Amino acid sequence: MIDPYLWQIPALMLVGVIAGFLNVLAGGGSLLTLPLLIFFGLPAATANGTNRVAIFCQNIFAITGFKRQGVFPIRLALLCMPPALLGSYLGANLAISVDEMLFRRLLAMIMVGVLLFMVFDPMKRFRSQERPMTPMRTVVLIVSFFGVGVYGGFVQAGVGFLIITALLVHGLDLVRINAVKVLVIFAFTAVALGVFIVHGQVDYVLGLSLAVGNSLGGWIATHYAVKKGHDWIKRFVIVTVLVFALRLLLP
């Protein structure tokens, strides 16, 4: 009998490249990898935990790529991280059972909301310069990233779209937003992954195989992000959101 790992590993590496590219530039890569891991026979909780191995490794390479390109907004990322870490811990501990149909509908609505925000782009006039972080704006940012952390710890899939939305309202361009995004996701994924590991919900062979592909895709995406700039990423995100939202809404 042929060991299933012999074909599962290269399949995960290939899909991982695409997922890593999507995750860094927009989001939704886990909507490819999670169903694939479940198709390979992993229980939903184990697939959820195994996917975090790839996300964690992917963002190490993405952070390195952005730093080499001179895009490293560490101060803003450090402001976003603490609430996201707390939220991620709570969300991961809730991730025992997920109502799949409810999740699909909610995620599709989130994606459509992001799409409308990006098409109309109400923050365009502020993008030439980052808006000052007043006390009220700081509170809004902290609350937003606590919610991002809870969602990311619970499901992960599509969390990039939430981060894009949370930061667009502060007038950042999508190059810096993606740099902040990979820093924050790296941090809260470490927390969530730890919870899944403690509960024995990780397949390390499949997780590391997927991580190879995700890491390569994430590294490639950082170069496209800096080279192509905000407008190109905006078009890419819009197309990605449309495809995934339609896929989630269709039976």
C-alpha atoms as a PDB file:
ATOM      1  CA  MET A   1       0.000   0.000   0.000  1.00  0.00           C
ATOM      2  CA  ILE A   2       1.339   3.428  -0.986  1.00  0.00           C
ATOM      3  CA  ASP A   3       2.073   5.763   1.911  1.00  0.00           C
ATOM      4  CA  PRO A   4      -0.400   8.680   1.536  1.00  0.00           C
ATOM      5  CA  TYR A   5       2.323  11.097   2.604  1.00  0.00           C
ATOM      6  CA  LEU A   6       4.099  10.404  -0.726  1.00  0.00           C
ATOM      7  CA  TRP A   7       1.456  12.360  -2.633  1.00  0.00           C
ATOM      8  CA  GLN A   8       0.042  14.513   0.145  1.00  0.00           C
ATOM      9  CA  ILE A   9       3.365  16.235   0.858  1.00  0.00           C
ATOM     10  CA  PRO A  10       4.038  17.545  -2.698  1.00  0.00           C
ATOM     11  CA  ALA A  11       0.362  18.507  -3.080  1.00  0.00           C
ATOM     12  CA  LEU A  12       0.518  20.563   0.109  1.00  0.00           C
ATOM     13  CA  MET A  13       3.767  22.231  -0.958  1.00  0.00           C
ATOM     14  CA  LEU A  14       2.220  23.308  -4.263  1.00  0.00           C
ATOM     15  CA  VAL A  15      -1.023  24.593  -2.755  1.00  0.00           C
ATOM     16  CA  GLY A  16       1.028  26.214   0.014  1.00  0.00           C
ATOM     17  CA  VAL A  17       2.863  28.451  -2.476  1.00  0.00           C
ATOM     18  CA  ILE A  18      -0.455  29.814  -3.732  1.00  0.00           C
ATOM     19  CA  ALA A  19      -1.850  30.156  -0.202  1.00  0.00           C
ATOM     20  CA  GLY A  20       1.249  31.936   1.102  1.00  0.00           C
ATOM     21  CA  PHE A  21       1.118  34.412  -1.787  1.00  0.00           C
ATOM     22  CA  LEU A  22      -2.578  35.114  -1.133  1.00  0.00           C
ATOM     23  CA  ASN A  23      -2.123  35.409   2.634  1.00  0.00           C
ATOM     24  CA  VAL A  24       0.601  38.043   2.450  1.00  0.00           C
ATOM     25  CA  LEU A  25      -0.949  40.220  -0.265  1.00  0.00           C
ATOM     26  CA  ALA A  26      -4.598  39.877   0.705  1.00  0.00           C
ATOM     27  CA  GLY A  27      -5.890  36.956   2.740  1.00  0.00           C
ATOM     28  CA  GLY A  28      -7.929  33.806   2.336  1.00  0.00           C
ATOM     29  CA  GLY A  29      -5.112  31.354   1.671  1.00  0.00           C
ATOM     30  CA  SER A  30      -6.392  29.165   4.487  1.00  0.00           C
ATOM     31  CA  LEU A  31      -9.628  28.756   2.529  1.00  0.00           C
ATOM     32  CA  LEU A  32      -7.509  26.614   0.198  1.00  0.00           C
ATOM     33  CA  THR A  33      -5.386  24.796   2.741  1.00  0.00           C
ATOM     34  CA  LEU A  34      -7.953  23.988   5.436  1.00  0.00           C
ATOM     35  CA  PRO A  35     -10.322  22.082   3.110  1.00  0.00           C
ATOM     36  CA  LEU A  36      -7.339  20.253   1.614  1.00  0.00           C
ATOM     37  CA  LEU A  37      -6.098  19.120   5.028  1.00  0.00           C
ATOM     38  CA  ILE A  38      -9.591  17.898   5.903  1.00  0.00           C
ATOM     39  CA  PHE A  39      -9.783  16.103   2.532  1.00  0.00           C
ATOM     40  CA  PHE A  40      -6.548  14.338   3.475  1.00  0.00           C
ATOM     41  CA  GLY A  41      -8.368  12.860   6.463  1.00  0.00           C
ATOM     42  CA  LEU A  42      -7.537  15.219   9.327  1.00  0.00           C
ATOM     43  CA  PRO A  43     -10.304  16.069  11.812  1.00  0.00           C
ATOM     44  CA  ALA A  44     -11.399  19.711  11.576  1.00  0.00           C
ATOM     45  CA  ALA A  45      -9.641  20.709  14.821  1.00  0.00           C
ATOM     46  CA  THR A  46      -6.394  19.000  13.767  1.00  0.00           C
ATOM     47  CA  ALA A  47      -6.565  20.590  10.316  1.00  0.00           C
ATOM     48  CA  ASN A  48      -7.084  23.965  12.007  1.00  0.00           C
ATOM     49  CA  GLY A  49      -4.030  23.433  14.218  1.00  0.00           C
ATOM     50  CA  THR A  50      -1.858  21.956  11.446  1.00  0.00           C
ATOM     51  CA  ASN A  51      -2.585  24.940   9.213  1.00  0.00           C
ATOM     52  CA  ARG A  52      -1.109  27.232  11.890  1.00  0.00           C
ATOM     53  CA  VAL A  53       2.325  25.628  11.439  1.00  0.00           C
ATOM     54  CA  ALA A  54       2.381  26.856   7.845  1.00  0.00           C
ATOM     55  CA  ILE A  55       1.034  30.314   8.739  1.00  0.00           C
ATOM     56  CA  PHE A  56       3.674  30.711  11.454  1.00  0.00           C
ATOM     57  CA  CYS A  57       6.569  29.784   9.138  1.00  0.00           C
ATOM     58  CA  GLN A  58       5.158  31.777   6.229  1.00  0.00           C
ATOM     59  CA  ASN A  59       5.156  34.980   8.252  1.00  0.00           C
ATOM     60  CA  ILE A  60       8.760  34.539   9.360  1.00  0.00           C
ATOM     61  CA  PHE A  61       9.793  34.688   5.699  1.00  0.00           C
ATOM     62  CA  ALA A  62       7.324  37.487   4.945  1.00  0.00           C
ATOM     63  CA  ILE A  63       8.650  39.628   7.815  1.00  0.00           C
ATOM     64  CA  THR A  64      12.209  39.081   6.584  1.00  0.00           C
ATOM     65  CA  GLY A  65      11.165  40.022   3.057  1.00  0.00           C
ATOM     66  CA  PHE A  66       9.473  43.259   4.089  1.00  0.00           C
ATOM     67  CA  LYS A  67      12.410  44.207   6.306  1.00  0.00           C
ATOM     68  CA  ARG A  68      14.869  43.720   3.448  1.00  0.00           C
ATOM     69  CA  GLN A  69      12.638  45.888   1.257  1.00  0.00           C
ATOM     70  CA  GLY A  70      12.789  48.667   3.859  1.00  0.00           C
ATOM     71  CA  VAL A  71       9.153  48.320   4.971  1.00  0.00           C
ATOM     72  CA  PHE A  72       9.053  47.512   8.690  1.00  0.00           C
ATOM     73  CA  PRO A  73       6.430  49.533  10.667  1.00  0.00           C
ATOM     74  CA  ILE A  74       7.373  47.972  13.994  1.00  0.00           C
ATOM     75  CA  ARG A  75       5.930  50.720  16.239  1.00  0.00           C
ATOM     76  CA  LEU A  76       2.425  50.359  14.844  1.00  0.00           C
ATOM     77  CA  ALA A  77       2.704  46.571  14.898  1.00  0.00           C
ATOM     78  CA  LEU A  78       3.737  46.623  18.558  1.00  0.00           C
ATOM     79  CA  LEU A  79       0.644  48.687  19.356  1.00  0.00           C
ATOM     80  CA  CYS A  80      -1.573  46.127  17.611  1.00  0.00           C
ATOM     81  CA  MET A  81       0.066  42.977  18.989  1.00  0.00           C
ATOM     82  CA  PRO A  82      -0.926  42.855  22.709  1.00  0.00           C
ATOM     83  CA  PRO A  83      -4.727  42.933  22.170  1.00  0.00           C
ATOM     84  CA  ALA A  84      -4.359  40.526  19.248  1.00  0.00           C
ATOM     85  CA  LEU A  85      -2.346  38.101  21.400  1.00  0.00           C
ATOM     86  CA  LEU A  86      -4.978  38.127  24.144  1.00  0.00           C
ATOM     87  CA  GLY A  87      -7.769  37.691  21.627  1.00  0.00           C
ATOM     88  CA  SER A  88      -5.925  34.870  19.878  1.00  0.00           C
ATOM     89  CA  TYR A  89      -5.532  32.908  23.105  1.00  0.00           C
ATOM     90  CA  LEU A  90      -9.239  33.203  23.830  1.00  0.00           C
ATOM     91  CA  GLY A  91     -10.222  32.387  20.255  1.00  0.00           C
ATOM     92  CA  ALA A  92      -7.996  29.307  20.025  1.00  0.00           C
ATOM     93  CA  ASN A  93      -9.466  27.923  23.235  1.00  0.00           C
ATOM     94  CA  LEU A  94     -12.935  28.326  21.721  1.00  0.00           C
ATOM     95  CA  ALA A  95     -11.946  26.497  18.537  1.00  0.00           C
ATOM     96  CA  ILE A  96     -13.216  23.099  19.629  1.00  0.00           C
ATOM     97  CA  SER A  97     -16.198  23.011  17.288  1.00  0.00           C
ATOM     98  CA  VAL A  98     -17.055  25.274  14.359  1.00  0.00           C
ATOM     99  CA  ASP A  99     -20.456  25.575  12.671  1.00  0.00           C
ATOM    100  CA  GLU A 100     -19.217  25.375   9.086  1.00  0.00           C
ATOM    101  CA  MET A 101     -22.225  26.925   7.324  1.00  0.00           C
ATOM    102  CA  LEU A 102     -22.425  29.832   9.764  1.00  0.00           C
ATOM    103  CA  PHE A 103     -18.694  30.402   9.375  1.00  0.00           C
ATOM    104  CA  ARG A 104     -18.937  30.429   5.574  1.00  0.00           C
ATOM    105  CA  ARG A 105     -21.754  32.971   5.572  1.00  0.00           C
ATOM    106  CA  LEU A 106     -20.108  35.280   8.095  1.00  0.00           C
ATOM    107  CA  LEU A 107     -16.771  35.166   6.319  1.00  0.00           C
ATOM    108  CA  ALA A 108     -18.419  35.896   2.974  1.00  0.00           C
ATOM    109  CA  MET A 109     -20.154  38.961   4.463  1.00  0.00           C
ATOM    110  CA  ILE A 110     -16.846  40.144   5.939  1.00  0.00           C
ATOM    111  CA  MET A 111     -15.187  39.814   2.549  1.00  0.00           C
ATOM    112  CA  VAL A 112     -17.954  41.744   0.792  1.00  0.00           C
ATOM    113  CA  GLY A 113     -17.605  44.499   3.402  1.00  0.00           C
ATOM    114  CA  VAL A 114     -13.870  44.723   2.733  1.00  0.00           C
ATOM    115  CA  LEU A 115     -14.541  44.776  -1.013  1.00  0.00           C
ATOM    116  CA  LEU A 116     -16.965  47.705  -0.735  1.00  0.00           C
ATOM    117  CA  PHE A 117     -14.547  49.591   1.504  1.00  0.00           C
ATOM    118  CA  MET A 118     -11.707  49.140  -0.970  1.00  0.00           C
ATOM    119  CA  VAL A 119     -13.767  49.995  -4.061  1.00  0.00           C
ATOM    120  CA  PHE A 120     -15.054  53.269  -2.607  1.00  0.00           C
ATOM    121  CA  ASP A 121     -11.763  53.889  -0.757  1.00  0.00           C
ATOM    122  CA  PRO A 122     -12.995  56.624   1.653  1.00  0.00           C
ATOM    123  CA  MET A 123      -9.510  56.949   3.198  1.00  0.00           C
ATOM    124  CA  LYS A 124      -7.740  57.760  -0.086  1.00  0.00           C
ATOM    125  CA  ARG A 125      -7.300  61.439   0.714  1.00  0.00           C
ATOM    126  CA  PHE A 126      -5.473  60.574   3.948  1.00  0.00           C
ATOM    127  CA  ARG A 127      -3.045  58.104   2.406  1.00  0.00           C
ATOM    128  CA  SER A 128      -0.308  60.561   1.541  1.00  0.00           C
ATOM    129  CA  GLN A 129       0.410  60.768   5.232  1.00  0.00           C
ATOM    130  CA  GLU A 130      -0.396  58.474   8.113  1.00  0.00           C
ATOM    131  CA  ARG A 131      -3.088  59.910  10.376  1.00  0.00           C
ATOM    132  CA  PRO A 132      -1.992  60.844  13.924  1.00  0.00           C
ATOM    133  CA  MET A 133      -2.755  58.245  16.587  1.00  0.00           C
ATOM    134  CA  THR A 134      -4.973  60.205  18.981  1.00  0.00           C
ATOM    135  CA  PRO A 135      -6.129  58.590  22.270  1.00  0.00           C
ATOM    136  CA  MET A 136      -9.546  57.784  20.774  1.00  0.00           C
ATOM    137  CA  ARG A 137      -8.024  56.298  17.612  1.00  0.00           C
ATOM    138  CA  THR A 138      -5.663  54.261  19.778  1.00  0.00           C
ATOM    139  CA  VAL A 139      -8.609  52.815  21.730  1.00  0.00           C
ATOM    140  CA  VAL A 140     -10.404  51.948  18.486  1.00  0.00           C
ATOM    141  CA  LEU A 141      -7.266  50.258  17.160  1.00  0.00           C
ATOM    142  CA  ILE A 142      -6.793  48.205  20.342  1.00  0.00           C
ATOM    143  CA  VAL A 143     -10.421  47.056  20.409  1.00  0.00           C
ATOM    144  CA  SER A 144     -10.271  46.224  16.690  1.00  0.00           C
ATOM    145  CA  PHE A 145      -7.186  44.083  17.070  1.00  0.00           C
ATOM    146  CA  PHE A 146      -8.596  42.280  20.077  1.00  0.00           C
ATOM    147  CA  GLY A 147     -11.451  41.238  17.790  1.00  0.00           C
ATOM    148  CA  VAL A 148      -8.976  40.344  15.055  1.00  0.00           C
ATOM    149  CA  GLY A 149      -7.088  38.167  17.531  1.00  0.00           C
ATOM    150  CA  VAL A 150     -10.223  36.330  18.695  1.00  0.00           C
ATOM    151  CA  TYR A 151     -11.249  35.588  15.128  1.00  0.00           C
ATOM    152  CA  GLY A 152      -7.726  34.648  14.057  1.00  0.00           C
ATOM    153  CA  GLY A 153      -7.250  32.340  17.018  1.00  0.00           C
ATOM    154  CA  PHE A 154     -10.615  30.703  16.406  1.00  0.00           C
ATOM    155  CA  VAL A 155     -10.494  30.136  12.636  1.00  0.00           C
ATOM    156  CA  GLN A 156      -7.582  32.039  10.978  1.00  0.00           C
ATOM    157  CA  ALA A 157      -9.085  31.822   7.472  1.00  0.00           C
ATOM    158  CA  GLY A 158      -9.763  35.322   6.185  1.00  0.00           C
ATOM    159  CA  VAL A 159      -8.192  37.163   9.119  1.00  0.00           C
ATOM    160  CA  GLY A 160      -6.024  39.122   6.674  1.00  0.00           C
ATOM    161  CA  PHE A 161      -9.122  40.840   5.326  1.00  0.00           C
ATOM    162  CA  LEU A 162     -10.061  41.962   8.852  1.00  0.00           C
ATOM    163  CA  ILE A 163      -6.603  43.411   9.447  1.00  0.00           C
ATOM    164  CA  ILE A 164      -6.702  45.244   6.124  1.00  0.00           C
ATOM    165  CA  THR A 165     -10.031  46.812   7.109  1.00  0.00           C
ATOM    166  CA  ALA A 166      -8.832  47.705  10.627  1.00  0.00           C
ATOM    167  CA  LEU A 167      -5.777  49.531   9.255  1.00  0.00           C
ATOM    168  CA  LEU A 168      -7.286  51.144   6.156  1.00  0.00           C
ATOM    169  CA  VAL A 169      -9.346  53.418   8.397  1.00  0.00           C
ATOM    170  CA  HIS A 170      -6.080  54.835   9.746  1.00  0.00           C
ATOM    171  CA  GLY A 171      -4.973  56.000   6.301  1.00  0.00           C
ATOM    172  CA  LEU A 172      -2.164  53.515   5.709  1.00  0.00           C
ATOM    173  CA  ASP A 173      -1.289  52.353   2.203  1.00  0.00           C
ATOM    174  CA  LEU A 174      -1.571  48.645   1.464  1.00  0.00           C
ATOM    175  CA  VAL A 175       2.191  48.084   1.367  1.00  0.00           C
ATOM    176  CA  ARG A 176       2.590  49.129   5.016  1.00  0.00           C
ATOM    177  CA  ILE A 177      -0.682  47.449   5.954  1.00  0.00           C
ATOM    178  CA  ASN A 178       0.619  44.130   4.664  1.00  0.00           C
ATOM    179  CA  ALA A 179       3.877  44.602   6.573  1.00  0.00           C
ATOM    180  CA  VAL A 180       1.961  45.237   9.822  1.00  0.00           C
ATOM    181  CA  LYS A 181      -0.330  42.330   9.003  1.00  0.00           C
ATOM    182  CA  VAL A 182       2.444  39.743   8.757  1.00  0.00           C
ATOM    183  CA  LEU A 183       4.020  40.964  12.009  1.00  0.00           C
ATOM    184  CA  VAL A 184       0.743  40.766  13.943  1.00  0.00           C
ATOM    185  CA  ILE A 185      -0.338  37.437  12.441  1.00  0.00           C
ATOM    186  CA  PHE A 186       3.072  35.958  13.227  1.00  0.00           C
ATOM    187  CA  ALA A 187       2.675  36.955  16.876  1.00  0.00           C
ATOM    188  CA  PHE A 188      -0.873  35.759  17.467  1.00  0.00           C
ATOM    189  CA  THR A 189      -0.362  32.598  15.410  1.00  0.00           C
ATOM    190  CA  ALA A 190       2.406  31.610  17.812  1.00  0.00           C
ATOM    191  CA  VAL A 191      -0.085  31.850  20.688  1.00  0.00           C
ATOM    192  CA  ALA A 192      -2.851  29.977  18.854  1.00  0.00           C
ATOM    193  CA  LEU A 193      -0.452  27.294  17.641  1.00  0.00           C
ATOM    194  CA  GLY A 194       0.700  26.747  21.200  1.00  0.00           C
ATOM    195  CA  VAL A 195      -2.893  26.077  22.283  1.00  0.00           C
ATOM    196  CA  PHE A 196      -3.409  23.538  19.483  1.00  0.00           C
ATOM    197  CA  ILE A 197      -0.092  21.830  20.305  1.00  0.00           C
ATOM    198  CA  VAL A 198      -1.034  21.507  23.980  1.00  0.00           C
ATOM    199  CA  HIS A 199      -4.284  19.830  22.928  1.00  0.00           C
ATOM    200  CA  GLY A 200      -2.486  17.495  20.490  1.00  0.00           C
ATOM    201  CA  GLN A 201      -4.222  18.932  17.429  1.00  0.00           C
ATOM    202  CA  VAL A 202      -1.241  19.217  15.051  1.00  0.00           C
ATOM    203  CA  ASP A 203       0.047  16.857  12.324  1.00  0.00           C
ATOM    204  CA  TYR A 204       3.685  17.937  12.092  1.00  0.00           C
ATOM    205  CA  VAL A 205       4.543  16.138   8.838  1.00  0.00           C
ATOM    206  CA  LEU A 206       1.701  17.731   6.898  1.00  0.00           C
ATOM    207  CA  GLY A 207       2.100  21.037   8.725  1.00  0.00           C
ATOM    208  CA  LEU A 208       5.788  21.370   7.881  1.00  0.00           C
ATOM    209  CA  SER A 209       5.177  20.277   4.280  1.00  0.00           C
ATOM    210  CA  LEU A 210       2.560  22.980   3.908  1.00  0.00           C
ATOM    211  CA  ALA A 211       4.907  25.428   5.627  1.00  0.00           C
ATOM    212  CA  VAL A 212       7.528  24.977   2.898  1.00  0.00           C
ATOM    213  CA  GLY A 213       5.063  26.086   0.238  1.00  0.00           C
ATOM    214  CA  ASN A 214       3.515  28.865   2.325  1.00  0.00           C
ATOM    215  CA  SER A 215       6.929  30.282   3.176  1.00  0.00           C
ATOM    216  CA  LEU A 216       7.998  30.409  -0.474  1.00  0.00           C
ATOM    217  CA  GLY A 217       4.705  32.010  -1.497  1.00  0.00           C
ATOM    218  CA  GLY A 218       4.932  34.554   1.313  1.00  0.00           C
ATOM    219  CA  TRP A 219       8.506  35.495   0.413  1.00  0.00           C
ATOM    220  CA  ILE A 220       7.562  36.011  -3.249  1.00  0.00           C
ATOM    221  CA  ALA A 221       4.544  38.120  -2.245  1.00  0.00           C
ATOM    222  CA  THR A 222       6.625  40.608  -0.223  1.00  0.00           C
ATOM    223  CA  HIS A 223       8.641  41.466  -3.322  1.00  0.00           C
ATOM    224  CA  TYR A 224       5.486  41.977  -5.384  1.00  0.00           C
ATOM    225  CA  ALA A 225       3.965  44.120  -2.616  1.00  0.00           C
ATOM    226  CA  VAL A 226       6.850  46.599  -2.511  1.00  0.00           C
ATOM    227  CA  LYS A 227       7.539  46.553  -6.255  1.00  0.00           C
ATOM    228  CA  LYS A 228       3.936  46.954  -7.426  1.00  0.00           C
ATOM    229  CA  GLY A 229       2.673  49.288  -4.688  1.00  0.00           C
ATOM    230  CA  HIS A 230      -0.762  50.167  -3.308  1.00  0.00           C
ATOM    231  CA  ASP A 231      -2.830  50.296  -6.507  1.00  0.00           C
ATOM    232  CA  TRP A 232      -1.671  46.912  -7.786  1.00  0.00           C
ATOM    233  CA  ILE A 233      -2.308  45.275  -4.399  1.00  0.00           C
ATOM    234  CA  LYS A 234      -5.744  46.920  -4.287  1.00  0.00           C
ATOM    235  CA  ARG A 235      -6.732  45.280  -7.588  1.00  0.00           C
ATOM    236  CA  PHE A 236      -5.316  41.952  -6.426  1.00  0.00           C
ATOM    237  CA  VAL A 237      -7.223  42.107  -3.139  1.00  0.00           C
ATOM    238  CA  ILE A 238     -10.496  43.032  -4.860  1.00  0.00           C
ATOM    239  CA  VAL A 239     -10.265  40.072  -7.231  1.00  0.00           C
ATOM    240  CA  THR A 240      -9.307  37.724  -4.390  1.00  0.00           C
ATOM    241  CA  VAL A 241     -12.186  38.906  -2.204  1.00  0.00           C
ATOM    242  CA  LEU A 242     -14.695  38.473  -5.033  1.00  0.00           C
ATOM    243  CA  VAL A 243     -13.564  34.936  -5.825  1.00  0.00           C
ATOM    244  CA  PHE A 244     -13.591  33.715  -2.221  1.00  0.00           C
ATOM    245  CA  ALA A 245     -16.847  35.469  -1.282  1.00  0.00           C
ATOM    246  CA  LEU A 246     -18.669  33.953  -4.255  1.00  0.00           C
ATOM    247  CA  ARG A 247     -17.203  30.551  -3.489  1.00  0.00           C
ATOM    248  CA  LEU A 248     -18.425  30.745   0.115  1.00  0.00           C
ATOM    249  CA  LEU A 249     -21.914  31.925  -0.819  1.00  0.00           C
ATOM    250  CA  LEU A 250     -22.510  29.361  -3.548  1.00  0.00           C
ATOM    251  CA  PRO A 251     -23.788  25.931  -2.410  1.00  0.00           C
END
